[in-house]
Amino acid sequence: MAKKQNNPKNNNGSEAQKAQPVEEVRIGSVKAAIWRNDTDTGPRFNVTVQRIYRTEDGKWHSTTSFGRDELLTLAKVADAAHTRVMQLIGEQREQERDQQRQNEQSAA
């Protein structure tokens, strides 16, 4: 359900300038993008949601408008995104604890 996004590289091998979500959660045409923002107090995660659709000419578009029939799917995607954000926060805290232990061991 959750899909990790790779940071794209530009032609000279450096990170591309366009920000990418760290992961996406998608059910059917409804998807949530999870964004990581590093702050002085640690990482913060935000989520954007959208519905994707294809027009008659075959082009893909997205909207932040949801119809009656998409609301339950939207709720499920939001729940899955919340679960994944909580996992990411837990992973971050675990990494910080490991780093603190390593620092304490190297200081001793």
N, C-alpha and C. Protein backbone atom coordinates (compact mmCIF):
# COMPACT_ATOMS: atom_id res chain seq x y z
N MET A 1 0.81 -1.18 0.00
CA MET A 1 0.00 0.00 0.00
C MET A 1 0.86 1.26 0.00
N ALA A 2 1.82 1.37 0.93
CA ALA A 2 2.71 2.51 0.94
C ALA A 2 3.84 2.25 -0.05
N LYS A 3 4.20 3.28 -0.78
CA LYS A 3 5.23 3.13 -1.78
C LYS A 3 6.31 4.18 -1.52
N LYS A 4 7.56 3.73 -1.34
CA LYS A 4 8.66 4.66 -1.14
C LYS A 4 8.99 5.32 -2.46
N GLN A 5 9.34 6.59 -2.38
CA GLN A 5 9.73 7.34 -3.55
C GLN A 5 11.23 7.53 -3.55
N ASN A 6 11.87 7.27 -4.68
CA ASN A 6 13.29 7.53 -4.82
C ASN A 6 13.49 8.97 -5.22
N ASN A 7 14.54 9.60 -4.68
CA ASN A 7 14.84 10.96 -5.08
C ASN A 7 15.46 10.93 -6.47
N PRO A 8 14.84 11.61 -7.44
CA PRO A 8 15.38 11.57 -8.79
C PRO A 8 16.68 12.36 -8.87
N LYS A 9 17.55 11.94 -9.78
CA LYS A 9 18.81 12.63 -10.00
C LYS A 9 18.71 13.37 -11.33
N ASN A 10 19.37 14.54 -11.40
CA ASN A 10 19.40 15.22 -12.68
C ASN A 10 20.59 14.72 -13.49
N ASN A 11 20.86 15.31 -14.63
CA ASN A 11 21.87 14.78 -15.55
C ASN A 11 23.28 14.74 -14.97
N ASN A 12 23.64 15.67 -14.06
CA ASN A 12 25.00 15.66 -13.53
C ASN A 12 25.12 14.81 -12.27
N GLY A 13 24.09 14.06 -11.91
CA GLY A 13 24.17 13.13 -10.80
C GLY A 13 23.77 13.72 -9.45
N SER A 14 23.53 15.02 -9.37
CA SER A 14 23.14 15.62 -8.09
C SER A 14 21.63 15.50 -7.90
N GLU A 15 21.21 15.74 -6.66
CA GLU A 15 19.78 15.64 -6.35
C GLU A 15 19.01 16.66 -7.19
N ALA A 16 17.89 16.26 -7.73
CA ALA A 16 17.04 17.18 -8.47
C ALA A 16 16.43 18.17 -7.49
N GLN A 17 16.09 19.35 -7.96
CA GLN A 17 15.59 20.41 -7.11
C GLN A 17 14.15 20.18 -6.66
N LYS A 18 13.35 19.50 -7.45
CA LYS A 18 11.95 19.31 -7.12
C LYS A 18 11.79 18.37 -5.93
N ALA A 19 11.06 18.82 -4.93
CA ALA A 19 10.83 17.99 -3.74
C ALA A 19 9.94 16.80 -4.10
N GLN A 20 10.21 15.68 -3.48
CA GLN A 20 9.46 14.46 -3.72
C GLN A 20 8.89 13.98 -2.38
N PRO A 21 7.71 13.37 -2.40
CA PRO A 21 7.20 12.79 -1.15
C PRO A 21 8.07 11.60 -0.75
N VAL A 22 8.14 11.35 0.57
CA VAL A 22 8.92 10.20 1.02
C VAL A 22 8.19 8.90 0.72
N GLU A 23 6.87 8.95 0.71
CA GLU A 23 6.06 7.78 0.37
C GLU A 23 4.70 8.22 -0.14
N GLU A 24 4.04 7.30 -0.81
CA GLU A 24 2.66 7.51 -1.24
C GLU A 24 1.82 6.32 -0.80
N VAL A 25 0.59 6.61 -0.43
CA VAL A 25 -0.39 5.58 -0.11
C VAL A 25 -1.52 5.75 -1.12
N ARG A 26 -1.88 4.67 -1.81
CA ARG A 26 -2.90 4.79 -2.84
C ARG A 26 -3.87 3.62 -2.77
N ILE A 27 -5.15 3.95 -2.86
CA ILE A 27 -6.21 2.96 -3.02
C ILE A 27 -7.06 3.44 -4.17
N GLY A 28 -7.07 2.67 -5.24
CA GLY A 28 -7.84 3.08 -6.41
C GLY A 28 -7.35 4.41 -6.94
N SER A 29 -8.27 5.35 -7.11
CA SER A 29 -7.92 6.65 -7.68
C SER A 29 -7.56 7.68 -6.62
N VAL A 30 -7.59 7.30 -5.35
CA VAL A 30 -7.29 8.24 -4.26
C VAL A 30 -5.91 7.95 -3.71
N LYS A 31 -5.09 9.00 -3.61
CA LYS A 31 -3.76 8.79 -3.08
C LYS A 31 -3.36 9.91 -2.13
N ALA A 32 -2.49 9.54 -1.20
CA ALA A 32 -1.93 10.48 -0.24
C ALA A 32 -0.42 10.49 -0.40
N ALA A 33 0.16 11.66 -0.45
CA ALA A 33 1.61 11.81 -0.51
C ALA A 33 2.08 12.25 0.87
N ILE A 34 3.10 11.57 1.39
CA ILE A 34 3.66 11.90 2.70
C ILE A 34 4.95 12.68 2.46
N TRP A 35 5.00 13.88 3.04
CA TRP A 35 6.13 14.79 2.87
C TRP A 35 6.87 14.93 4.18
N ARG A 36 8.19 14.93 4.12
CA ARG A 36 9.03 15.11 5.31
C ARG A 36 9.64 16.50 5.27
N ASN A 37 9.50 17.22 6.37
CA ASN A 37 10.11 18.53 6.53
C ASN A 37 11.02 18.48 7.74
N ASP A 38 12.32 18.67 7.53
CA ASP A 38 13.27 18.66 8.64
C ASP A 38 13.28 20.03 9.31
N THR A 39 13.11 20.04 10.63
CA THR A 39 13.09 21.27 11.40
C THR A 39 14.15 21.20 12.50
N ASP A 40 14.33 22.30 13.22
CA ASP A 40 15.29 22.33 14.32
C ASP A 40 14.91 21.34 15.42
N THR A 41 13.63 21.06 15.57
CA THR A 41 13.17 20.15 16.61
C THR A 41 12.98 18.72 16.10
N GLY A 42 13.38 18.46 14.88
CA GLY A 42 13.25 17.13 14.31
C GLY A 42 12.33 17.14 13.11
N PRO A 43 12.14 15.99 12.49
CA PRO A 43 11.32 15.94 11.28
C PRO A 43 9.84 16.11 11.59
N ARG A 44 9.15 16.73 10.66
CA ARG A 44 7.69 16.87 10.69
C ARG A 44 7.17 16.25 9.39
N PHE A 45 6.02 15.62 9.48
CA PHE A 45 5.44 15.00 8.30
C PHE A 45 4.10 15.65 7.99
N ASN A 46 3.88 15.94 6.72
CA ASN A 46 2.62 16.47 6.24
C ASN A 46 2.09 15.53 5.17
N VAL A 47 0.80 15.57 4.96
CA VAL A 47 0.17 14.69 3.97
C VAL A 47 -0.73 15.52 3.07
N THR A 48 -0.60 15.29 1.77
CA THR A 48 -1.53 15.87 0.81
C THR A 48 -2.31 14.74 0.16
N VAL A 49 -3.57 14.97 -0.15
CA VAL A 49 -4.40 13.94 -0.77
C VAL A 49 -4.96 14.47 -2.09
N GLN A 50 -5.15 13.55 -3.00
CA GLN A 50 -5.72 13.91 -4.29
C GLN A 50 -6.39 12.71 -4.92
N ARG A 51 -7.25 13.00 -5.87
CA ARG A 51 -7.91 11.96 -6.67
C ARG A 51 -7.39 12.13 -8.09
N ILE A 52 -6.95 11.03 -8.68
CA ILE A 52 -6.47 11.09 -10.05
C ILE A 52 -7.54 10.53 -10.98
N TYR A 53 -7.56 11.06 -12.18
CA TYR A 53 -8.55 10.60 -13.16
C TYR A 53 -8.01 10.86 -14.57
N ARG A 54 -8.56 10.13 -15.52
CA ARG A 54 -8.17 10.26 -16.92
C ARG A 54 -9.33 10.85 -17.71
N THR A 55 -9.03 11.83 -18.53
CA THR A 55 -10.07 12.44 -19.37
C THR A 55 -10.26 11.61 -20.64
N GLU A 56 -11.25 11.96 -21.41
CA GLU A 56 -11.56 11.20 -22.63
C GLU A 56 -10.41 11.18 -23.61
N ASP A 57 -9.58 12.22 -23.60
CA ASP A 57 -8.44 12.25 -24.52
C ASP A 57 -7.24 11.45 -24.01
N GLY A 58 -7.40 10.77 -22.85
CA GLY A 58 -6.37 9.90 -22.33
C GLY A 58 -5.36 10.57 -21.42
N LYS A 59 -5.51 11.86 -21.16
CA LYS A 59 -4.56 12.58 -20.31
C LYS A 59 -4.96 12.42 -18.84
N TRP A 60 -3.92 12.27 -17.98
CA TRP A 60 -4.14 12.14 -16.55
C TRP A 60 -4.19 13.50 -15.89
N HIS A 61 -5.10 13.64 -14.93
CA HIS A 61 -5.26 14.88 -14.16
C HIS A 61 -5.46 14.50 -12.70
N SER A 62 -5.36 15.49 -11.84
CA SER A 62 -5.64 15.25 -10.42
C SER A 62 -6.47 16.40 -9.87
N THR A 63 -7.18 16.10 -8.79
CA THR A 63 -8.01 17.09 -8.13
C THR A 63 -8.03 16.82 -6.64
N THR A 64 -8.34 17.84 -5.89
CA THR A 64 -8.50 17.67 -4.45
C THR A 64 -9.98 17.63 -4.07
N SER A 65 -10.81 17.46 -5.07
CA SER A 65 -12.26 17.35 -4.86
C SER A 65 -12.66 15.88 -4.89
N PHE A 66 -13.52 15.49 -3.95
CA PHE A 66 -13.92 14.09 -3.83
C PHE A 66 -15.43 14.00 -3.83
N GLY A 67 -15.95 13.06 -4.59
CA GLY A 67 -17.39 12.83 -4.62
C GLY A 67 -17.83 11.89 -3.51
N ARG A 68 -19.11 11.76 -3.39
CA ARG A 68 -19.71 10.89 -2.37
C ARG A 68 -19.12 9.50 -2.40
N ASP A 69 -18.93 8.94 -3.57
CA ASP A 69 -18.45 7.57 -3.70
C ASP A 69 -16.97 7.41 -3.37
N GLU A 70 -16.23 8.51 -3.27
CA GLU A 70 -14.80 8.42 -2.93
C GLU A 70 -14.52 8.71 -1.46
N LEU A 71 -15.51 9.13 -0.71
CA LEU A 71 -15.26 9.56 0.66
C LEU A 71 -14.77 8.43 1.57
N LEU A 72 -15.34 7.25 1.46
CA LEU A 72 -14.86 6.14 2.29
C LEU A 72 -13.44 5.73 1.91
N THR A 73 -13.15 5.75 0.62
CA THR A 73 -11.79 5.45 0.17
C THR A 73 -10.84 6.52 0.68
N LEU A 74 -11.25 7.77 0.65
CA LEU A 74 -10.44 8.86 1.18
C LEU A 74 -10.13 8.63 2.66
N ALA A 75 -11.15 8.20 3.41
CA ALA A 75 -10.95 7.93 4.84
C ALA A 75 -9.95 6.79 5.05
N LYS A 76 -10.04 5.76 4.23
CA LYS A 76 -9.11 4.63 4.35
C LYS A 76 -7.69 5.05 3.98
N VAL A 77 -7.54 5.86 2.96
CA VAL A 77 -6.22 6.35 2.57
C VAL A 77 -5.65 7.24 3.68
N ALA A 78 -6.49 8.11 4.24
CA ALA A 78 -6.04 8.97 5.34
C ALA A 78 -5.61 8.14 6.55
N ASP A 79 -6.35 7.09 6.86
CA ASP A 79 -6.00 6.22 7.98
C ASP A 79 -4.67 5.52 7.71
N ALA A 80 -4.48 5.02 6.50
CA ALA A 80 -3.23 4.34 6.15
C ALA A 80 -2.06 5.32 6.17
N ALA A 81 -2.28 6.55 5.71
CA ALA A 81 -1.22 7.56 5.73
C ALA A 81 -0.86 7.90 7.18
N HIS A 82 -1.86 8.03 8.04
CA HIS A 82 -1.60 8.31 9.46
C HIS A 82 -0.78 7.19 10.08
N THR A 83 -1.14 5.95 9.81
CA THR A 83 -0.39 4.80 10.33
C THR A 83 1.05 4.86 9.87
N ARG A 84 1.27 5.15 8.60
CA ARG A 84 2.64 5.19 8.07
C ARG A 84 3.43 6.35 8.66
N VAL A 85 2.80 7.51 8.85
CA VAL A 85 3.49 8.64 9.47
C VAL A 85 3.92 8.27 10.88
N MET A 86 3.05 7.61 11.62
CA MET A 86 3.40 7.19 12.98
C MET A 86 4.57 6.20 12.96
N GLN A 87 4.62 5.31 11.97
CA GLN A 87 5.74 4.39 11.83
C GLN A 87 7.03 5.15 11.51
N LEU A 88 6.95 6.13 10.65
CA LEU A 88 8.12 6.92 10.29
C LEU A 88 8.66 7.68 11.51
N ILE A 89 7.76 8.22 12.33
CA ILE A 89 8.17 8.91 13.55
C ILE A 89 8.85 7.92 14.49
N GLY A 90 8.30 6.73 14.64
CA GLY A 90 8.91 5.71 15.49
C GLY A 90 10.28 5.31 14.98
N GLU A 91 10.43 5.15 13.68
CA GLU A 91 11.73 4.81 13.10
C GLU A 91 12.74 5.92 13.36
N GLN A 92 12.29 7.17 13.25
CA GLN A 92 13.18 8.30 13.51
C GLN A 92 13.64 8.31 14.96
N ARG A 93 12.73 8.06 15.88
CA ARG A 93 13.09 8.03 17.31
C ARG A 93 14.06 6.90 17.60
N GLU A 94 13.86 5.75 16.96
CA GLU A 94 14.77 4.61 17.14
C GLU A 94 16.16 4.97 16.65
N GLN A 95 16.25 5.63 15.51
CA GLN A 95 17.55 6.05 14.99
C GLN A 95 18.23 7.03 15.94
N GLU A 96 17.45 7.96 16.51
CA GLU A 96 18.02 8.92 17.45
C GLU A 96 18.53 8.22 18.70
N ARG A 97 17.80 7.22 19.20
CA ARG A 97 18.25 6.47 20.37
C ARG A 97 19.53 5.70 20.06
N ASP A 98 19.59 5.08 18.88
CA ASP A 98 20.80 4.36 18.48
C ASP A 98 22.00 5.30 18.39
N GLN A 99 21.78 6.48 17.82
CA GLN A 99 22.85 7.47 17.70
C GLN A 99 23.32 7.92 19.07
N GLN A 100 22.38 8.13 19.99
CA GLN A 100 22.73 8.55 21.35
C GLN A 100 23.55 7.46 22.05
N ARG A 101 23.15 6.18 21.87
CA ARG A 101 23.91 5.07 22.47
C ARG A 101 25.32 5.02 21.92
N GLN A 102 25.46 5.20 20.61
CA GLN A 102 26.78 5.17 20.00
C GLN A 102 27.65 6.31 20.51
N ASN A 103 27.05 7.48 20.67
CA ASN A 103 27.79 8.63 21.20
C ASN A 103 28.25 8.38 22.63
N GLU A 104 27.38 7.77 23.43
CA GLU A 104 27.72 7.47 24.81
C GLU A 104 28.84 6.42 24.88
N GLN A 105 28.80 5.43 24.00
CA GLN A 105 29.81 4.39 23.99
C GLN A 105 31.16 4.94 23.54
N SER A 106 31.15 5.83 22.55
CA SER A 106 32.42 6.38 22.07
C SER A 106 33.00 7.37 23.06
N ALA A 107 32.16 7.99 23.91
CA ALA A 107 32.65 8.94 24.92
C ALA A 107 33.25 8.20 26.12
N ALA A 108 32.85 6.95 26.32
CA ALA A 108 33.32 6.19 27.50
C ALA A 108 34.69 5.60 27.32
